[in-house]
Amino acid sequence: MSLELAFATPVGLALLGAVLSLAAEAADRERLSIAVSSIALAVAAVIALVGAATVAPGAVWGVFVSGAGYSMAAFVVMALGALACIASLSSPEKGRAALGGLVSISAAALAVLAASNDIIVMVVALETAAVTGYALVALARTPRASEAAMKYFVQGAIATALLVLGIAVAVLAGVLLP
């Protein structure tokens, strides 16, 4: 397995699982939506584990680091996402079909974040994972969940603003970039 495949295949499978999951949700197939997502994440986790065991670490496209221990981070994220989706299959509550797609998107974003070597890609991946987190909190569709999601969103917006401000100050001071 090449270095590029060790990085791109688990992330691509997670995103494919998200697309198929959201398509199944559009067809009102809730359990199928979550099952597709959990299967895609489980296969992605296995491929990331194979990449961690067989590929030497190195740079991918100059932006990511993959192979060896770096692929283990993707394995952990994908495996935990698959377990979360599998656990939600036994839930008797209805209206949770978007959970599979959101967890898959979040897992792909977190795998990219763990492998990122570029500050801009890190911020984008972090924000993608955060936005899916806001949606997952609001998925319960209760007044308390909506309030919690809004508070989480405001807190995340403030944290992101401070992060971007800190990056800008570090760049201007010459600490982050030469």
N, C-alpha and C. Protein backbone atom coordinates (compact mmCIF):
# COMPACT_ATOMS: atom_id res chain seq x y z
N MET A 1 0.86 -1.18 0.00
CA MET A 1 0.00 0.00 0.00
C MET A 1 0.90 1.24 0.00
N SER A 2 0.59 2.17 -0.88
CA SER A 2 1.41 3.37 -0.96
C SER A 2 1.03 4.35 0.16
N LEU A 3 1.88 5.31 0.36
CA LEU A 3 1.67 6.31 1.40
C LEU A 3 0.40 7.12 1.14
N GLU A 4 0.17 7.49 -0.11
CA GLU A 4 -1.01 8.27 -0.46
C GLU A 4 -2.29 7.48 -0.21
N LEU A 5 -2.27 6.20 -0.57
CA LEU A 5 -3.45 5.36 -0.35
C LEU A 5 -3.70 5.14 1.14
N ALA A 6 -2.64 5.03 1.92
CA ALA A 6 -2.80 4.84 3.36
C ALA A 6 -3.50 6.03 4.00
N PHE A 7 -3.32 7.22 3.43
CA PHE A 7 -4.00 8.40 3.96
C PHE A 7 -5.38 8.59 3.34
N ALA A 8 -5.46 8.52 2.02
CA ALA A 8 -6.69 8.91 1.32
C ALA A 8 -7.80 7.88 1.40
N THR A 9 -7.49 6.61 1.47
CA THR A 9 -8.53 5.59 1.44
C THR A 9 -9.44 5.64 2.67
N PRO A 10 -8.92 5.69 3.90
CA PRO A 10 -9.85 5.76 5.03
C PRO A 10 -10.70 7.04 5.03
N VAL A 11 -10.10 8.16 4.68
CA VAL A 11 -10.85 9.42 4.64
C VAL A 11 -11.90 9.37 3.53
N GLY A 12 -11.51 8.86 2.38
CA GLY A 12 -12.46 8.75 1.27
C GLY A 12 -13.60 7.80 1.57
N LEU A 13 -13.31 6.68 2.23
CA LEU A 13 -14.37 5.74 2.60
C LEU A 13 -15.33 6.36 3.62
N ALA A 14 -14.80 7.12 4.55
CA ALA A 14 -15.68 7.79 5.52
C ALA A 14 -16.59 8.80 4.83
N LEU A 15 -16.05 9.54 3.88
CA LEU A 15 -16.87 10.51 3.15
C LEU A 15 -17.88 9.80 2.24
N LEU A 16 -17.48 8.69 1.63
CA LEU A 16 -18.41 7.91 0.82
C LEU A 16 -19.54 7.36 1.70
N GLY A 17 -19.19 6.89 2.88
CA GLY A 17 -20.20 6.41 3.82
C GLY A 17 -21.16 7.52 4.22
N ALA A 18 -20.64 8.74 4.37
CA ALA A 18 -21.51 9.87 4.71
C ALA A 18 -22.48 10.17 3.58
N VAL A 19 -21.98 10.16 2.35
CA VAL A 19 -22.86 10.44 1.20
C VAL A 19 -23.93 9.35 1.07
N LEU A 20 -23.53 8.09 1.16
CA LEU A 20 -24.50 7.00 1.05
C LEU A 20 -25.49 7.02 2.22
N SER A 21 -25.00 7.36 3.39
CA SER A 21 -25.87 7.45 4.56
C SER A 21 -26.91 8.55 4.40
N LEU A 22 -26.48 9.70 3.92
CA LEU A 22 -27.43 10.79 3.72
C LEU A 22 -28.39 10.49 2.57
N ALA A 23 -27.94 9.73 1.56
CA ALA A 23 -28.85 9.31 0.49
C ALA A 23 -29.90 8.33 1.03
N ALA A 24 -29.49 7.42 1.90
CA ALA A 24 -30.45 6.49 2.51
C ALA A 24 -31.42 7.24 3.42
N GLU A 25 -30.93 8.28 4.08
CA GLU A 25 -31.83 9.10 4.91
C GLU A 25 -32.87 9.80 4.05
N ALA A 26 -32.46 10.29 2.88
CA ALA A 26 -33.39 10.96 1.98
C ALA A 26 -34.47 9.99 1.50
N ALA A 27 -34.17 8.70 1.45
CA ALA A 27 -35.14 7.69 1.06
C ALA A 27 -35.92 7.15 2.25
N ASP A 28 -35.82 7.81 3.41
CA ASP A 28 -36.52 7.41 4.64
C ASP A 28 -36.15 6.00 5.10
N ARG A 29 -34.89 5.66 4.98
CA ARG A 29 -34.38 4.38 5.46
C ARG A 29 -33.41 4.64 6.59
N GLU A 30 -33.93 4.88 7.79
CA GLU A 30 -33.11 5.33 8.93
C GLU A 30 -32.08 4.29 9.36
N ARG A 31 -32.51 3.05 9.55
CA ARG A 31 -31.58 2.03 10.01
C ARG A 31 -30.53 1.72 8.94
N LEU A 32 -30.92 1.73 7.69
CA LEU A 32 -29.97 1.52 6.60
C LEU A 32 -28.95 2.65 6.56
N SER A 33 -29.41 3.86 6.82
CA SER A 33 -28.52 5.03 6.81
C SER A 33 -27.41 4.87 7.85
N ILE A 34 -27.78 4.48 9.04
CA ILE A 34 -26.79 4.32 10.11
C ILE A 34 -25.92 3.09 9.86
N ALA A 35 -26.51 2.01 9.32
CA ALA A 35 -25.75 0.79 9.05
C ALA A 35 -24.70 1.03 7.97
N VAL A 36 -25.06 1.75 6.91
CA VAL A 36 -24.10 2.05 5.84
C VAL A 36 -22.92 2.84 6.39
N SER A 37 -23.23 3.82 7.21
CA SER A 37 -22.19 4.64 7.80
C SER A 37 -21.27 3.83 8.70
N SER A 38 -21.84 2.96 9.51
CA SER A 38 -21.01 2.16 10.43
C SER A 38 -20.15 1.17 9.66
N ILE A 39 -20.68 0.59 8.58
CA ILE A 39 -19.88 -0.34 7.78
C ILE A 39 -18.73 0.39 7.09
N ALA A 40 -19.02 1.56 6.54
CA ALA A 40 -17.97 2.33 5.87
C ALA A 40 -16.88 2.73 6.85
N LEU A 41 -17.26 3.15 8.05
CA LEU A 41 -16.27 3.54 9.05
C LEU A 41 -15.46 2.33 9.54
N ALA A 42 -16.11 1.18 9.68
CA ALA A 42 -15.39 -0.02 10.11
C ALA A 42 -14.37 -0.46 9.06
N VAL A 43 -14.75 -0.42 7.79
CA VAL A 43 -13.81 -0.78 6.72
C VAL A 43 -12.67 0.24 6.67
N ALA A 44 -13.01 1.52 6.84
CA ALA A 44 -11.97 2.55 6.85
C ALA A 44 -11.01 2.35 8.01
N ALA A 45 -11.52 1.93 9.16
CA ALA A 45 -10.66 1.67 10.31
C ALA A 45 -9.71 0.51 10.03
N VAL A 46 -10.21 -0.53 9.40
CA VAL A 46 -9.35 -1.68 9.08
C VAL A 46 -8.26 -1.27 8.09
N ILE A 47 -8.62 -0.48 7.08
CA ILE A 47 -7.63 -0.03 6.10
C ILE A 47 -6.59 0.88 6.76
N ALA A 48 -7.03 1.74 7.68
CA ALA A 48 -6.08 2.59 8.40
C ALA A 48 -5.15 1.75 9.26
N LEU A 49 -5.66 0.69 9.86
CA LEU A 49 -4.83 -0.19 10.67
C LEU A 49 -3.80 -0.92 9.80
N VAL A 50 -4.21 -1.36 8.62
CA VAL A 50 -3.27 -2.00 7.69
C VAL A 50 -2.20 -1.00 7.26
N GLY A 51 -2.61 0.23 7.00
CA GLY A 51 -1.65 1.27 6.63
C GLY A 51 -0.68 1.57 7.75
N ALA A 52 -1.18 1.54 8.99
CA ALA A 52 -0.30 1.79 10.13
C ALA A 52 0.71 0.66 10.31
N ALA A 53 0.31 -0.56 9.96
CA ALA A 53 1.20 -1.70 10.16
C ALA A 53 2.19 -1.90 9.02
N THR A 54 1.85 -1.43 7.81
CA THR A 54 2.68 -1.79 6.67
C THR A 54 3.40 -0.62 6.00
N VAL A 55 2.98 0.62 6.27
CA VAL A 55 3.53 1.76 5.55
C VAL A 55 4.45 2.57 6.47
N ALA A 56 5.63 2.90 5.97
CA ALA A 56 6.55 3.74 6.73
C ALA A 56 6.02 5.18 6.73
N PRO A 57 6.28 5.92 7.79
CA PRO A 57 5.76 7.29 7.83
C PRO A 57 6.42 8.19 6.80
N GLY A 58 5.63 9.16 6.33
CA GLY A 58 6.15 10.10 5.36
C GLY A 58 5.12 11.17 5.03
N ALA A 59 5.55 12.14 4.24
CA ALA A 59 4.68 13.25 3.86
C ALA A 59 3.83 12.86 2.66
N VAL A 60 2.57 13.28 2.70
CA VAL A 60 1.63 13.04 1.61
C VAL A 60 1.23 14.39 1.04
N TRP A 61 1.55 14.62 -0.22
CA TRP A 61 1.20 15.85 -0.93
C TRP A 61 1.74 17.10 -0.24
N GLY A 62 2.71 16.98 0.62
CA GLY A 62 3.31 18.11 1.31
C GLY A 62 2.44 18.73 2.37
N VAL A 63 1.26 18.17 2.63
CA VAL A 63 0.31 18.77 3.57
C VAL A 63 -0.02 17.82 4.72
N PHE A 64 0.06 16.52 4.48
CA PHE A 64 -0.32 15.54 5.48
C PHE A 64 0.85 14.62 5.79
N VAL A 65 0.78 13.95 6.94
CA VAL A 65 1.75 12.95 7.33
C VAL A 65 0.98 11.66 7.54
N SER A 66 1.44 10.57 6.96
CA SER A 66 0.70 9.32 7.05
C SER A 66 1.67 8.16 7.25
N GLY A 67 1.10 7.00 7.52
CA GLY A 67 1.89 5.80 7.75
C GLY A 67 2.21 5.63 9.22
N ALA A 68 2.57 4.44 9.59
CA ALA A 68 2.96 4.07 10.96
C ALA A 68 2.00 4.64 11.99
N GLY A 69 2.50 5.33 12.99
CA GLY A 69 1.67 5.84 14.07
C GLY A 69 0.67 6.89 13.64
N TYR A 70 0.97 7.60 12.57
CA TYR A 70 0.05 8.63 12.09
C TYR A 70 -1.25 8.00 11.58
N SER A 71 -1.15 6.85 10.96
CA SER A 71 -2.35 6.15 10.50
C SER A 71 -3.11 5.54 11.67
N MET A 72 -2.44 5.31 12.80
CA MET A 72 -3.14 4.79 13.98
C MET A 72 -4.16 5.80 14.50
N ALA A 73 -3.87 7.09 14.37
CA ALA A 73 -4.83 8.11 14.79
C ALA A 73 -6.10 8.01 13.94
N ALA A 74 -5.95 7.80 12.64
CA ALA A 74 -7.11 7.62 11.77
C ALA A 74 -7.86 6.35 12.14
N PHE A 75 -7.12 5.28 12.47
CA PHE A 75 -7.76 4.04 12.90
C PHE A 75 -8.62 4.25 14.13
N VAL A 76 -8.09 4.95 15.13
CA VAL A 76 -8.84 5.18 16.37
C VAL A 76 -10.09 5.99 16.10
N VAL A 77 -9.96 7.05 15.31
CA VAL A 77 -11.11 7.91 15.01
C VAL A 77 -12.18 7.14 14.26
N MET A 78 -11.79 6.39 13.24
CA MET A 78 -12.75 5.64 12.44
C MET A 78 -13.40 4.52 13.26
N ALA A 79 -12.62 3.84 14.09
CA ALA A 79 -13.17 2.77 14.91
C ALA A 79 -14.16 3.31 15.94
N LEU A 80 -13.84 4.43 16.56
CA LEU A 80 -14.77 5.02 17.52
C LEU A 80 -16.04 5.51 16.84
N GLY A 81 -15.91 6.05 15.64
CA GLY A 81 -17.09 6.47 14.88
C GLY A 81 -17.97 5.28 14.53
N ALA A 82 -17.34 4.17 14.11
CA ALA A 82 -18.11 2.97 13.79
C ALA A 82 -18.82 2.44 15.03
N LEU A 83 -18.14 2.44 16.17
CA LEU A 83 -18.77 1.97 17.40
C LEU A 83 -19.94 2.87 17.81
N ALA A 84 -19.80 4.17 17.62
CA ALA A 84 -20.90 5.09 17.94
C ALA A 84 -22.11 4.84 17.05
N CYS A 85 -21.86 4.60 15.78
CA CYS A 85 -22.97 4.31 14.86
C CYS A 85 -23.63 2.97 15.20
N ILE A 86 -22.82 1.98 15.50
CA ILE A 86 -23.36 0.66 15.85
C ILE A 86 -24.19 0.76 17.13
N ALA A 87 -23.70 1.52 18.10
CA ALA A 87 -24.45 1.67 19.35
C ALA A 87 -25.77 2.39 19.12
N SER A 88 -25.82 3.31 18.17
CA SER A 88 -27.06 4.03 17.93
C SER A 88 -28.09 3.18 17.18
N LEU A 89 -27.66 2.08 16.57
CA LEU A 89 -28.61 1.20 15.89
C LEU A 89 -29.59 0.57 16.86
N SER A 90 -29.17 0.33 18.08
CA SER A 90 -30.05 -0.31 19.07
C SER A 90 -30.96 0.69 19.77
N SER A 91 -30.81 1.96 19.48
CA SER A 91 -31.65 2.99 20.10
C SER A 91 -33.06 2.94 19.52
N PRO A 92 -34.08 2.93 20.38
CA PRO A 92 -35.45 2.87 19.87
C PRO A 92 -35.98 4.22 19.37
N GLU A 93 -35.24 5.29 19.60
CA GLU A 93 -35.71 6.62 19.21
C GLU A 93 -35.67 6.79 17.70
N LYS A 94 -36.66 7.48 17.17
CA LYS A 94 -36.73 7.74 15.73
C LYS A 94 -36.19 9.13 15.44
N GLY A 95 -35.94 9.42 14.18
CA GLY A 95 -35.48 10.74 13.77
C GLY A 95 -34.00 10.96 13.93
N ARG A 96 -33.23 9.89 13.99
CA ARG A 96 -31.78 10.01 14.17
C ARG A 96 -31.02 9.57 12.92
N ALA A 97 -31.65 9.59 11.77
CA ALA A 97 -31.01 9.07 10.57
C ALA A 97 -29.80 9.88 10.16
N ALA A 98 -29.78 11.16 10.44
CA ALA A 98 -28.64 12.01 10.07
C ALA A 98 -27.41 11.71 10.90
N LEU A 99 -27.57 10.96 11.97
CA LEU A 99 -26.45 10.66 12.85
C LEU A 99 -25.31 9.96 12.11
N GLY A 100 -25.63 9.00 11.27
CA GLY A 100 -24.59 8.26 10.56
C GLY A 100 -23.77 9.15 9.65
N GLY A 101 -24.43 10.00 8.89
CA GLY A 101 -23.71 10.91 8.00
C GLY A 101 -22.87 11.91 8.76
N LEU A 102 -23.43 12.44 9.84
CA LEU A 102 -22.69 13.43 10.63
C LEU A 102 -21.46 12.82 11.31
N VAL A 103 -21.61 11.62 11.83
CA VAL A 103 -20.47 10.95 12.47
C VAL A 103 -19.40 10.63 11.43
N SER A 104 -19.81 10.22 10.24
CA SER A 104 -18.83 9.92 9.18
C SER A 104 -18.07 11.16 8.75
N ILE A 105 -18.77 12.27 8.58
CA ILE A 105 -18.10 13.52 8.20
C ILE A 105 -17.15 13.96 9.30
N SER A 106 -17.60 13.84 10.54
CA SER A 106 -16.76 14.23 11.67
C SER A 106 -15.52 13.34 11.75
N ALA A 107 -15.68 12.04 11.53
CA ALA A 107 -14.54 11.13 11.58
C ALA A 107 -13.53 11.45 10.48
N ALA A 108 -14.03 11.76 9.29
CA ALA A 108 -13.11 12.12 8.19
C ALA A 108 -12.37 13.41 8.53
N ALA A 109 -13.08 14.39 9.08
CA ALA A 109 -12.44 15.66 9.43
C ALA A 109 -11.40 15.46 10.54
N LEU A 110 -11.71 14.64 11.52
CA LEU A 110 -10.75 14.41 12.60
C LEU A 110 -9.54 13.60 12.14
N ALA A 111 -9.73 12.69 11.19
CA ALA A 111 -8.59 11.97 10.63
C ALA A 111 -7.69 12.92 9.85
N VAL A 112 -8.29 13.84 9.10
CA VAL A 112 -7.50 14.84 8.38
C VAL A 112 -6.78 15.74 9.38
N LEU A 113 -7.46 16.13 10.44
CA LEU A 113 -6.84 16.97 11.47
C LEU A 113 -5.64 16.29 12.10
N ALA A 114 -5.77 15.00 12.39
CA ALA A 114 -4.68 14.27 13.02
C ALA A 114 -3.47 14.12 12.10
N ALA A 115 -3.71 14.07 10.80
CA ALA A 115 -2.61 13.88 9.85
C ALA A 115 -2.09 15.18 9.26
N SER A 116 -2.72 16.30 9.61
CA SER A 116 -2.39 17.56 8.96
C SER A 116 -1.02 18.08 9.36
N ASN A 117 -0.38 18.72 8.39
CA ASN A 117 0.94 19.29 8.58
C ASN A 117 0.91 20.80 8.30
N ASP A 118 -0.28 21.32 7.97
CA ASP A 118 -0.46 22.70 7.57
C ASP A 118 -1.49 23.36 8.49
N ILE A 119 -1.21 24.56 8.94
CA ILE A 119 -2.08 25.22 9.91
C ILE A 119 -3.45 25.56 9.33
N ILE A 120 -3.51 25.91 8.06
CA ILE A 120 -4.80 26.23 7.44
C ILE A 120 -5.68 24.99 7.34
N VAL A 121 -5.09 23.87 6.95
CA VAL A 121 -5.84 22.62 6.87
C VAL A 121 -6.30 22.19 8.26
N MET A 122 -5.47 22.43 9.26
CA MET A 122 -5.87 22.10 10.64
C MET A 122 -7.10 22.89 11.06
N VAL A 123 -7.11 24.18 10.78
CA VAL A 123 -8.25 25.02 11.17
C VAL A 123 -9.52 24.59 10.44
N VAL A 124 -9.41 24.32 9.15
CA VAL A 124 -10.58 23.90 8.37
C VAL A 124 -11.10 22.56 8.87
N ALA A 125 -10.21 21.61 9.13
CA ALA A 125 -10.63 20.30 9.63
C ALA A 125 -11.25 20.42 11.03
N LEU A 126 -10.67 21.24 11.87
CA LEU A 126 -11.21 21.45 13.21
C LEU A 126 -12.60 22.06 13.14
N GLU A 127 -12.80 23.02 12.26
CA GLU A 127 -14.11 23.66 12.12
C GLU A 127 -15.14 22.70 11.52
N THR A 128 -14.71 21.86 10.61
CA THR A 128 -15.63 20.88 10.04
C THR A 128 -16.10 19.91 11.13
N ALA A 129 -15.18 19.45 11.95
CA ALA A 129 -15.56 18.56 13.05
C ALA A 129 -16.44 19.29 14.06
N ALA A 130 -16.18 20.56 14.30
CA ALA A 130 -16.98 21.32 15.26
C ALA A 130 -18.40 21.53 14.75
N VAL A 131 -18.55 21.85 13.47
CA VAL A 131 -19.89 22.08 12.92
C VAL A 131 -20.71 20.79 12.97
N THR A 132 -20.11 19.66 12.67
CA THR A 132 -20.86 18.41 12.79
C THR A 132 -21.20 18.12 14.25
N GLY A 133 -20.33 18.54 15.15
CA GLY A 133 -20.64 18.39 16.58
C GLY A 133 -21.84 19.23 16.99
N TYR A 134 -21.94 20.44 16.49
CA TYR A 134 -23.11 21.28 16.78
C TYR A 134 -24.38 20.59 16.29
N ALA A 135 -24.32 20.04 15.08
CA ALA A 135 -25.50 19.37 14.53
C ALA A 135 -25.85 18.11 15.32
N LEU A 136 -24.84 17.39 15.77
CA LEU A 136 -25.10 16.19 16.56
C LEU A 136 -25.76 16.53 17.90
N VAL A 137 -25.35 17.63 18.50
CA VAL A 137 -25.97 18.05 19.75
C VAL A 137 -27.43 18.43 19.52
N ALA A 138 -27.71 19.12 18.43
CA ALA A 138 -29.07 19.56 18.15
C ALA A 138 -29.96 18.45 17.61
N LEU A 139 -29.39 17.30 17.31
CA LEU A 139 -30.14 16.21 16.69
C LEU A 139 -31.26 15.67 17.58
N ALA A 140 -31.16 15.85 18.88
CA ALA A 140 -32.19 15.36 19.79
C ALA A 140 -33.52 16.09 19.59
N ARG A 141 -33.47 17.30 19.07
CA ARG A 141 -34.65 18.11 18.76
C ARG A 141 -35.54 18.37 19.97
N THR A 142 -34.90 18.62 21.09
CA THR A 142 -35.62 19.06 22.29
C THR A 142 -35.20 20.50 22.56
N PRO A 143 -35.98 21.22 23.36
CA PRO A 143 -35.56 22.59 23.68
C PRO A 143 -34.20 22.66 24.37
N ARG A 144 -33.92 21.73 25.26
CA ARG A 144 -32.62 21.72 25.93
C ARG A 144 -31.48 21.44 24.96
N ALA A 145 -31.71 20.54 23.99
CA ALA A 145 -30.67 20.23 23.00
C ALA A 145 -30.43 21.43 22.09
N SER A 146 -31.49 22.12 21.72
CA SER A 146 -31.33 23.31 20.88
C SER A 146 -30.56 24.40 21.60
N GLU A 147 -30.87 24.58 22.88
CA GLU A 147 -30.15 25.57 23.67
C GLU A 147 -28.68 25.19 23.82
N ALA A 148 -28.43 23.92 24.07
CA ALA A 148 -27.05 23.45 24.22
C ALA A 148 -26.28 23.62 22.91
N ALA A 149 -26.92 23.31 21.79
CA ALA A 149 -26.25 23.46 20.50
C ALA A 149 -25.93 24.93 20.22
N MET A 150 -26.84 25.82 20.57
CA MET A 150 -26.58 27.24 20.34
C MET A 150 -25.44 27.74 21.24
N LYS A 151 -25.43 27.32 22.48
CA LYS A 151 -24.33 27.71 23.37
C LYS A 151 -23.00 27.13 22.89
N TYR A 152 -23.03 25.91 22.44
CA TYR A 152 -21.83 25.26 21.90
C TYR A 152 -21.34 26.00 20.67
N PHE A 153 -22.27 26.43 19.81
CA PHE A 153 -21.91 27.18 18.62
C PHE A 153 -21.26 28.51 18.96
N VAL A 154 -21.84 29.24 19.91
CA VAL A 154 -21.28 30.54 20.30
C VAL A 154 -19.89 30.36 20.91
N GLN A 155 -19.75 29.37 21.77
CA GLN A 155 -18.45 29.09 22.37
C GLN A 155 -17.43 28.71 21.29
N GLY A 156 -17.83 27.91 20.32
CA GLY A 156 -16.93 27.53 19.24
C GLY A 156 -16.55 28.70 18.35
N ALA A 157 -17.49 29.61 18.11
CA ALA A 157 -17.20 30.79 17.30
C ALA A 157 -16.18 31.68 17.99
N ILE A 158 -16.34 31.86 19.30
CA ILE A 158 -15.38 32.67 20.05
C ILE A 158 -14.01 32.01 20.08
N ALA A 159 -13.98 30.71 20.28
CA ALA A 159 -12.71 29.98 20.30
C ALA A 159 -12.02 30.04 18.95
N THR A 160 -12.79 29.93 17.87
CA THR A 160 -12.20 30.02 16.54
C THR A 160 -11.65 31.41 16.27
N ALA A 161 -12.38 32.43 16.69
CA ALA A 161 -11.89 33.81 16.50
C ALA A 161 -10.58 34.01 17.25
N LEU A 162 -10.49 33.50 18.48
CA LEU A 162 -9.25 33.64 19.24
C LEU A 162 -8.12 32.82 18.61
N LEU A 163 -8.45 31.64 18.06
CA LEU A 163 -7.43 30.83 17.39
C LEU A 163 -6.89 31.56 16.17
N VAL A 164 -7.77 32.09 15.34
CA VAL A 164 -7.32 32.80 14.14
C VAL A 164 -6.54 34.05 14.52
N LEU A 165 -6.97 34.75 15.56
CA LEU A 165 -6.23 35.93 16.03
C LEU A 165 -4.83 35.52 16.51
N GLY A 166 -4.73 34.43 17.24
CA GLY A 166 -3.44 33.96 17.71
C GLY A 166 -2.53 33.55 16.57
N ILE A 167 -3.09 32.90 15.55
CA ILE A 167 -2.29 32.53 14.38
C ILE A 167 -1.79 33.78 13.67
N ALA A 168 -2.66 34.78 13.53
CA ALA A 168 -2.27 36.02 12.86
C ALA A 168 -1.15 36.73 13.61
N VAL A 169 -1.26 36.79 14.93
CA VAL A 169 -0.22 37.44 15.73
C VAL A 169 1.09 36.66 15.62
N ALA A 170 1.02 35.34 15.64
CA ALA A 170 2.23 34.52 15.52
C ALA A 170 2.88 34.70 14.16
N VAL A 171 2.08 34.81 13.11
CA VAL A 171 2.64 35.03 11.78
C VAL A 171 3.28 36.41 11.70
N LEU A 172 2.60 37.43 12.22
CA LEU A 172 3.16 38.78 12.19
C LEU A 172 4.44 38.90 13.02
N ALA A 173 4.51 38.17 14.11
CA ALA A 173 5.71 38.19 14.94
C ALA A 173 6.84 37.34 14.36
N GLY A 174 6.54 36.58 13.34
CA GLY A 174 7.57 35.75 12.72
C GLY A 174 7.81 34.46 13.46
N VAL A 175 6.93 34.11 14.38
CA VAL A 175 7.11 32.89 15.15
C VAL A 175 6.61 31.67 14.37
N LEU A 176 5.49 31.82 13.67
CA LEU A 176 4.87 30.68 13.00
C LEU A 176 5.46 30.45 11.61
N LEU A 177 5.58 31.49 10.84
CA LEU A 177 6.14 31.38 9.50
C LEU A 177 7.35 32.30 9.38
N PRO A 178 8.38 31.88 8.64
CA PRO A 178 9.56 32.75 8.52
C PRO A 178 9.30 33.97 7.66
